[in-house]
Amino acid sequence: MAEVTRVPLQPIAKGSVAKLWLGIVAVLLAAGALAWWAMPKGVSVDVITAGTGESPTESDVVFVHYTGKLPDGTVFDKSEDVALPVEGIFPKGTPLPLDGMVPGFKEAALKMQKGGKYVVEIPADKAYGAEGSSNPQTGEQVIPPNTDLTFEIELVDFMTRADFDRRLQAFQQMMQMQQGAPEGTAPKQ
């Protein structure tokens, strides 16, 4: 018959089991922290002054005052009111069609209300991504690749794209009529 060789087991040192469990917990915490850090970040919208009423939809045109900043605080863009000679056609602020904005700006605007002031943090993947952004006239790089952006935004007002287009057409017709009429005469109706 075959003999079985016995190998004596060494006793586990006192405290080894606790150290093993502590090691497992530390590895799990480190893995969780790494997963959280690597997870894509969303758009952050902090309310400075609450607005009222409805929020814009994805197809609306918003009228805003804004300042866009890079992570180091450098201002890369600032809105200016559109100077229109006829009051009452458009609200103050810069008109921005949301269907043409970077995804993060649009996402933030959908959470805003008229009259509200906000600070918006947009991660690079929802801004200009790996390409960054250049000035179309000069070709100068304005926003470096993979740059997070911060905006201070006041939502002055918003309207549907159809209403905006209708008002724009009415404004253009008024301008054409004014340019075609001799001085001192009223345009024909």
C-alpha atoms as a PDB file:
ATOM      1  CA  MET A   1       0.000   0.000   0.000  1.00  0.00           C
ATOM      2  CA  ALA A   2       1.143   3.567  -0.700  1.00  0.00           C
ATOM      3  CA  GLU A   3       2.220   5.698   2.116  1.00  0.00           C
ATOM      4  CA  VAL A   4       1.045   9.236   2.510  1.00  0.00           C
ATOM      5  CA  THR A   5       3.695  11.672   3.507  1.00  0.00           C
ATOM      6  CA  ARG A   6       2.513  14.107   6.040  1.00  0.00           C
ATOM      7  CA  VAL A   7       3.560  17.721   5.785  1.00  0.00           C
ATOM      8  CA  PRO A   8       3.079  19.654   8.958  1.00  0.00           C
ATOM      9  CA  LEU A   9       1.169  22.949   8.485  1.00  0.00           C
ATOM     10  CA  GLN A  10       2.635  25.992  10.078  1.00  0.00           C
ATOM     11  CA  PRO A  11       0.235  27.867  12.308  1.00  0.00           C
ATOM     12  CA  ILE A  12      -0.986  31.213  10.984  1.00  0.00           C
ATOM     13  CA  ALA A  13       0.792  34.053  12.668  1.00  0.00           C
ATOM     14  CA  LYS A  14      -1.328  36.079  15.020  1.00  0.00           C
ATOM     15  CA  GLY A  15      -2.936  39.038  13.179  1.00  0.00           C
ATOM     16  CA  SER A  16      -2.315  37.672   9.659  1.00  0.00           C
ATOM     17  CA  VAL A  17      -6.011  37.174   8.871  1.00  0.00           C
ATOM     18  CA  ALA A  18      -6.755  40.766   9.890  1.00  0.00           C
ATOM     19  CA  LYS A  19      -3.880  41.992   7.708  1.00  0.00           C
ATOM     20  CA  LEU A  20      -5.198  39.957   4.793  1.00  0.00           C
ATOM     21  CA  TRP A  21      -8.679  41.500   5.125  1.00  0.00           C
ATOM     22  CA  LEU A  22      -7.217  45.007   5.474  1.00  0.00           C
ATOM     23  CA  GLY A  23      -5.235  44.426   2.289  1.00  0.00           C
ATOM     24  CA  ILE A  24      -8.343  43.284   0.414  1.00  0.00           C
ATOM     25  CA  VAL A  25     -10.308  46.341   1.626  1.00  0.00           C
ATOM     26  CA  ALA A  26      -7.437  48.677   0.610  1.00  0.00           C
ATOM     27  CA  VAL A  27      -7.287  47.152  -2.889  1.00  0.00           C
ATOM     28  CA  LEU A  28     -11.075  47.507  -3.301  1.00  0.00           C
ATOM     29  CA  LEU A  29     -10.989  51.154  -2.171  1.00  0.00           C
ATOM     30  CA  ALA A  30      -8.121  51.935  -4.551  1.00  0.00           C
ATOM     31  CA  ALA A  31      -9.965  50.266  -7.447  1.00  0.00           C
ATOM     32  CA  GLY A  32     -13.125  52.254  -6.646  1.00  0.00           C
ATOM     33  CA  ALA A  33     -11.197  55.536  -6.488  1.00  0.00           C
ATOM     34  CA  LEU A  34      -9.498  54.780  -9.801  1.00  0.00           C
ATOM     35  CA  ALA A  35     -12.829  53.936 -11.427  1.00  0.00           C
ATOM     36  CA  TRP A  36     -14.385  57.183 -10.113  1.00  0.00           C
ATOM     37  CA  TRP A  37     -11.437  59.268 -11.339  1.00  0.00           C
ATOM     38  CA  ALA A  38     -11.483  57.643 -14.808  1.00  0.00           C
ATOM     39  CA  MET A  39     -15.266  57.948 -15.162  1.00  0.00           C
ATOM     40  CA  PRO A  40     -16.403  60.604 -17.679  1.00  0.00           C
ATOM     41  CA  LYS A  41     -17.439  63.771 -15.879  1.00  0.00           C
ATOM     42  CA  GLY A  42     -20.723  65.486 -16.603  1.00  0.00           C
ATOM     43  CA  VAL A  43     -21.647  69.113 -17.016  1.00  0.00           C
ATOM     44  CA  SER A  44     -21.947  70.969 -13.707  1.00  0.00           C
ATOM     45  CA  VAL A  45     -24.482  73.809 -13.410  1.00  0.00           C
ATOM     46  CA  ASP A  46     -24.280  75.887 -10.222  1.00  0.00           C
ATOM     47  CA  VAL A  47     -27.129  78.360  -9.653  1.00  0.00           C
ATOM     48  CA  ILE A  48     -25.942  81.818  -8.581  1.00  0.00           C
ATOM     49  CA  THR A  49     -29.335  83.532  -9.006  1.00  0.00           C
ATOM     50  CA  ALA A  50     -32.416  81.420  -9.614  1.00  0.00           C
ATOM     51  CA  GLY A  51     -34.458  82.134 -12.717  1.00  0.00           C
ATOM     52  CA  THR A  52     -38.193  81.670 -13.190  1.00  0.00           C
ATOM     53  CA  GLY A  53     -40.505  79.855 -15.551  1.00  0.00           C
ATOM     54  CA  GLU A  54     -39.805  77.216 -18.145  1.00  0.00           C
ATOM     55  CA  SER A  55     -36.423  76.086 -19.429  1.00  0.00           C
ATOM     56  CA  PRO A  56     -35.378  76.239 -23.102  1.00  0.00           C
ATOM     57  CA  THR A  57     -35.661  73.198 -25.341  1.00  0.00           C
ATOM     58  CA  GLU A  58     -32.946  71.760 -27.598  1.00  0.00           C
ATOM     59  CA  SER A  59     -34.247  73.630 -30.652  1.00  0.00           C
ATOM     60  CA  ASP A  60     -34.659  77.067 -29.007  1.00  0.00           C
ATOM     61  CA  VAL A  61     -32.542  80.191 -29.427  1.00  0.00           C
ATOM     62  CA  VAL A  62     -31.260  81.551 -26.112  1.00  0.00           C
ATOM     63  CA  PHE A  63     -30.301  85.171 -25.445  1.00  0.00           C
ATOM     64  CA  VAL A  64     -27.460  85.258 -22.936  1.00  0.00           C
ATOM     65  CA  HIS A  65     -24.723  87.301 -21.361  1.00  0.00           C
ATOM     66  CA  TYR A  66     -21.719  85.027 -20.859  1.00  0.00           C
ATOM     67  CA  THR A  67     -18.008  84.890 -20.150  1.00  0.00           C
ATOM     68  CA  GLY A  68     -16.033  81.769 -21.115  1.00  0.00           C
ATOM     69  CA  LYS A  69     -12.824  80.931 -19.246  1.00  0.00           C
ATOM     70  CA  LEU A  70     -10.018  78.385 -19.520  1.00  0.00           C
ATOM     71  CA  PRO A  71      -8.892  76.470 -16.390  1.00  0.00           C
ATOM     72  CA  ASP A  72      -6.179  79.071 -15.690  1.00  0.00           C
ATOM     73  CA  GLY A  73      -8.815  81.867 -15.634  1.00  0.00           C
ATOM     74  CA  THR A  74      -8.002  83.256 -19.091  1.00  0.00           C
ATOM     75  CA  VAL A  75     -11.138  84.682 -20.749  1.00  0.00           C
ATOM     76  CA  PHE A  76     -11.414  83.185 -24.244  1.00  0.00           C
ATOM     77  CA  ASP A  77     -14.841  84.603 -25.151  1.00  0.00           C
ATOM     78  CA  LYS A  78     -17.298  87.178 -23.847  1.00  0.00           C
ATOM     79  CA  SER A  79     -20.741  88.021 -25.166  1.00  0.00           C
ATOM     80  CA  GLU A  80     -21.810  91.402 -26.409  1.00  0.00           C
ATOM     81  CA  ASP A  81     -25.354  92.660 -26.809  1.00  0.00           C
ATOM     82  CA  VAL A  82     -26.444  92.718 -30.422  1.00  0.00           C
ATOM     83  CA  ALA A  83     -26.982  96.376 -31.263  1.00  0.00           C
ATOM     84  CA  LEU A  84     -30.269  96.532 -33.104  1.00  0.00           C
ATOM     85  CA  PRO A  85     -31.700  99.844 -34.219  1.00  0.00           C
ATOM     86  CA  VAL A  86     -35.290  98.698 -33.605  1.00  0.00           C
ATOM     87  CA  GLU A  87     -36.284  98.039 -30.000  1.00  0.00           C
ATOM     88  CA  GLY A  88     -38.673  95.241 -29.152  1.00  0.00           C
ATOM     89  CA  ILE A  89     -37.731  92.758 -31.852  1.00  0.00           C
ATOM     90  CA  PHE A  90     -35.108  90.814 -29.917  1.00  0.00           C
ATOM     91  CA  PRO A  91     -34.262  90.726 -26.217  1.00  0.00           C
ATOM     92  CA  LYS A  92     -30.905  91.984 -24.994  1.00  0.00           C
ATOM     93  CA  GLY A  93     -28.050  89.503 -24.984  1.00  0.00           C
ATOM     94  CA  THR A  94     -26.278  87.390 -27.552  1.00  0.00           C
ATOM     95  CA  PRO A  95     -28.583  85.066 -29.509  1.00  0.00           C
ATOM     96  CA  LEU A  96     -27.287  81.477 -29.584  1.00  0.00           C
ATOM     97  CA  PRO A  97     -29.211  78.699 -31.376  1.00  0.00           C
ATOM     98  CA  LEU A  98     -28.856  75.684 -29.071  1.00  0.00           C
ATOM     99  CA  ASP A  99     -28.850  73.249 -31.986  1.00  0.00           C
ATOM    100  CA  GLY A 100     -25.486  74.733 -33.032  1.00  0.00           C
ATOM    101  CA  MET A 101     -23.760  74.810 -29.634  1.00  0.00           C
ATOM    102  CA  VAL A 102     -21.208  72.403 -28.165  1.00  0.00           C
ATOM    103  CA  PRO A 103     -22.994  69.553 -26.335  1.00  0.00           C
ATOM    104  CA  GLY A 104     -22.023  70.716 -22.839  1.00  0.00           C
ATOM    105  CA  PHE A 105     -23.306  74.268 -23.372  1.00  0.00           C
ATOM    106  CA  LYS A 106     -26.605  72.948 -24.731  1.00  0.00           C
ATOM    107  CA  GLU A 107     -26.924  70.481 -21.841  1.00  0.00           C
ATOM    108  CA  ALA A 108     -26.391  73.299 -19.330  1.00  0.00           C
ATOM    109  CA  ALA A 109     -28.829  75.693 -21.050  1.00  0.00           C
ATOM    110  CA  LEU A 110     -31.596  73.084 -20.856  1.00  0.00           C
ATOM    111  CA  LYS A 111     -31.314  73.278 -17.050  1.00  0.00           C
ATOM    112  CA  MET A 112     -31.583  77.091 -16.880  1.00  0.00           C
ATOM    113  CA  GLN A 113     -34.514  79.441 -16.436  1.00  0.00           C
ATOM    114  CA  LYS A 114     -35.089  82.978 -17.708  1.00  0.00           C
ATOM    115  CA  GLY A 115     -33.412  85.601 -15.528  1.00  0.00           C
ATOM    116  CA  GLY A 116     -31.111  83.090 -13.835  1.00  0.00           C
ATOM    117  CA  LYS A 117     -27.353  83.417 -13.433  1.00  0.00           C
ATOM    118  CA  TYR A 118     -25.191  80.307 -13.471  1.00  0.00           C
ATOM    119  CA  VAL A 119     -21.618  79.029 -13.344  1.00  0.00           C
ATOM    120  CA  VAL A 120     -21.199  76.092 -15.720  1.00  0.00           C
ATOM    121  CA  GLU A 121     -18.283  73.639 -15.790  1.00  0.00           C
ATOM    122  CA  ILE A 122     -18.009  71.749 -19.098  1.00  0.00           C
ATOM    123  CA  PRO A 123     -15.568  68.833 -19.372  1.00  0.00           C
ATOM    124  CA  ALA A 124     -13.390  68.762 -22.498  1.00  0.00           C
ATOM    125  CA  ASP A 125     -15.226  65.793 -24.035  1.00  0.00           C
ATOM    126  CA  LYS A 126     -18.463  67.858 -24.032  1.00  0.00           C
ATOM    127  CA  ALA A 127     -16.720  71.031 -25.225  1.00  0.00           C
ATOM    128  CA  TYR A 128     -14.134  71.076 -28.040  1.00  0.00           C
ATOM    129  CA  GLY A 129     -12.508  67.719 -27.216  1.00  0.00           C
ATOM    130  CA  ALA A 130      -9.170  66.593 -28.609  1.00  0.00           C
ATOM    131  CA  GLU A 131      -9.245  69.147 -31.447  1.00  0.00           C
ATOM    132  CA  GLY A 132      -9.629  72.312 -29.357  1.00  0.00           C
ATOM    133  CA  SER A 133     -10.820  75.442 -31.144  1.00  0.00           C
ATOM    134  CA  SER A 134      -9.116  78.025 -33.348  1.00  0.00           C
ATOM    135  CA  ASN A 135     -10.036  81.554 -34.365  1.00  0.00           C
ATOM    136  CA  PRO A 136     -11.456  81.208 -37.913  1.00  0.00           C
ATOM    137  CA  GLN A 137      -9.945  84.537 -39.055  1.00  0.00           C
ATOM    138  CA  THR A 138      -6.417  84.129 -37.680  1.00  0.00           C
ATOM    139  CA  GLY A 139      -6.080  80.377 -37.231  1.00  0.00           C
ATOM    140  CA  GLU A 140      -4.747  81.053 -33.720  1.00  0.00           C
ATOM    141  CA  GLN A 141      -5.503  78.280 -31.190  1.00  0.00           C
ATOM    142  CA  VAL A 142      -8.010  79.807 -28.728  1.00  0.00           C
ATOM    143  CA  ILE A 143      -8.950  76.679 -26.772  1.00  0.00           C
ATOM    144  CA  PRO A 144      -6.218  74.044 -26.424  1.00  0.00           C
ATOM    145  CA  PRO A 145      -7.082  70.383 -27.022  1.00  0.00           C
ATOM    146  CA  ASN A 146      -8.671  68.476 -24.122  1.00  0.00           C
ATOM    147  CA  THR A 147      -9.482  71.615 -22.134  1.00  0.00           C
ATOM    148  CA  ASP A 148     -12.302  71.890 -19.617  1.00  0.00           C
ATOM    149  CA  LEU A 149     -14.248  75.159 -19.820  1.00  0.00           C
ATOM    150  CA  THR A 150     -16.019  77.388 -17.300  1.00  0.00           C
ATOM    151  CA  PHE A 151     -18.833  79.759 -18.251  1.00  0.00           C
ATOM    152  CA  GLU A 152     -20.586  82.438 -16.253  1.00  0.00           C
ATOM    153  CA  ILE A 153     -24.003  82.686 -17.922  1.00  0.00           C
ATOM    154  CA  GLU A 154     -27.073  84.857 -17.475  1.00  0.00           C
ATOM    155  CA  LEU A 155     -30.079  83.539 -19.396  1.00  0.00           C
ATOM    156  CA  VAL A 156     -31.838  86.756 -20.437  1.00  0.00           C
ATOM    157  CA  ASP A 157     -34.572  85.111 -22.507  1.00  0.00           C
ATOM    158  CA  PHE A 158     -35.253  82.403 -25.083  1.00  0.00           C
ATOM    159  CA  MET A 159     -37.635  81.700 -27.950  1.00  0.00           C
ATOM    160  CA  THR A 160     -38.376  79.014 -30.479  1.00  0.00           C
ATOM    161  CA  ARG A 161     -36.252  78.875 -33.593  1.00  0.00           C
ATOM    162  CA  ALA A 162     -39.368  79.559 -35.693  1.00  0.00           C
ATOM    163  CA  ASP A 163     -40.151  82.718 -33.677  1.00  0.00           C
ATOM    164  CA  PHE A 164     -36.527  83.841 -33.948  1.00  0.00           C
ATOM    165  CA  ASP A 165     -36.516  83.298 -37.744  1.00  0.00           C
ATOM    166  CA  ARG A 166     -39.844  85.163 -38.092  1.00  0.00           C
ATOM    167  CA  ARG A 167     -38.544  88.137 -36.085  1.00  0.00           C
ATOM    168  CA  LEU A 168     -35.280  88.138 -38.024  1.00  0.00           C
ATOM    169  CA  GLN A 169     -37.169  88.203 -41.319  1.00  0.00           C
ATOM    170  CA  ALA A 170     -39.375  91.078 -40.090  1.00  0.00           C
ATOM    171  CA  PHE A 171     -36.266  92.973 -38.973  1.00  0.00           C
ATOM    172  CA  GLN A 172     -34.574  92.439 -42.354  1.00  0.00           C
ATOM    173  CA  GLN A 173     -37.685  93.654 -44.188  1.00  0.00           C
ATOM    174  CA  MET A 174     -37.821  96.790 -42.024  1.00  0.00           C
ATOM    175  CA  MET A 175     -34.153  97.477 -42.760  1.00  0.00           C
ATOM    176  CA  GLN A 176     -34.695  97.040 -46.511  1.00  0.00           C
ATOM    177  CA  MET A 177     -37.677  99.379 -46.424  1.00  0.00           C
ATOM    178  CA  GLN A 178     -35.696 102.013 -44.517  1.00  0.00           C
ATOM    179  CA  GLN A 179     -32.783 101.768 -46.942  1.00  0.00           C
ATOM    180  CA  GLY A 180     -35.068 102.044 -49.981  1.00  0.00           C
ATOM    181  CA  ALA A 181     -37.111 105.043 -48.775  1.00  0.00           C
ATOM    182  CA  PRO A 182     -35.791 108.545 -49.473  1.00  0.00           C
ATOM    183  CA  GLU A 183     -35.022 110.641 -46.406  1.00  0.00           C
ATOM    184  CA  GLY A 184     -38.020 112.339 -44.856  1.00  0.00           C
ATOM    185  CA  THR A 185     -40.583 109.992 -46.428  1.00  0.00           C
ATOM    186  CA  ALA A 186     -42.316 107.067 -44.862  1.00  0.00           C
ATOM    187  CA  PRO A 187     -41.893 103.665 -46.504  1.00  0.00           C
ATOM    188  CA  LYS A 188     -44.855 102.355 -48.528  1.00  0.00           C
ATOM    189  CA  GLN A 189     -47.047  99.856 -46.754  1.00  0.00           C
END
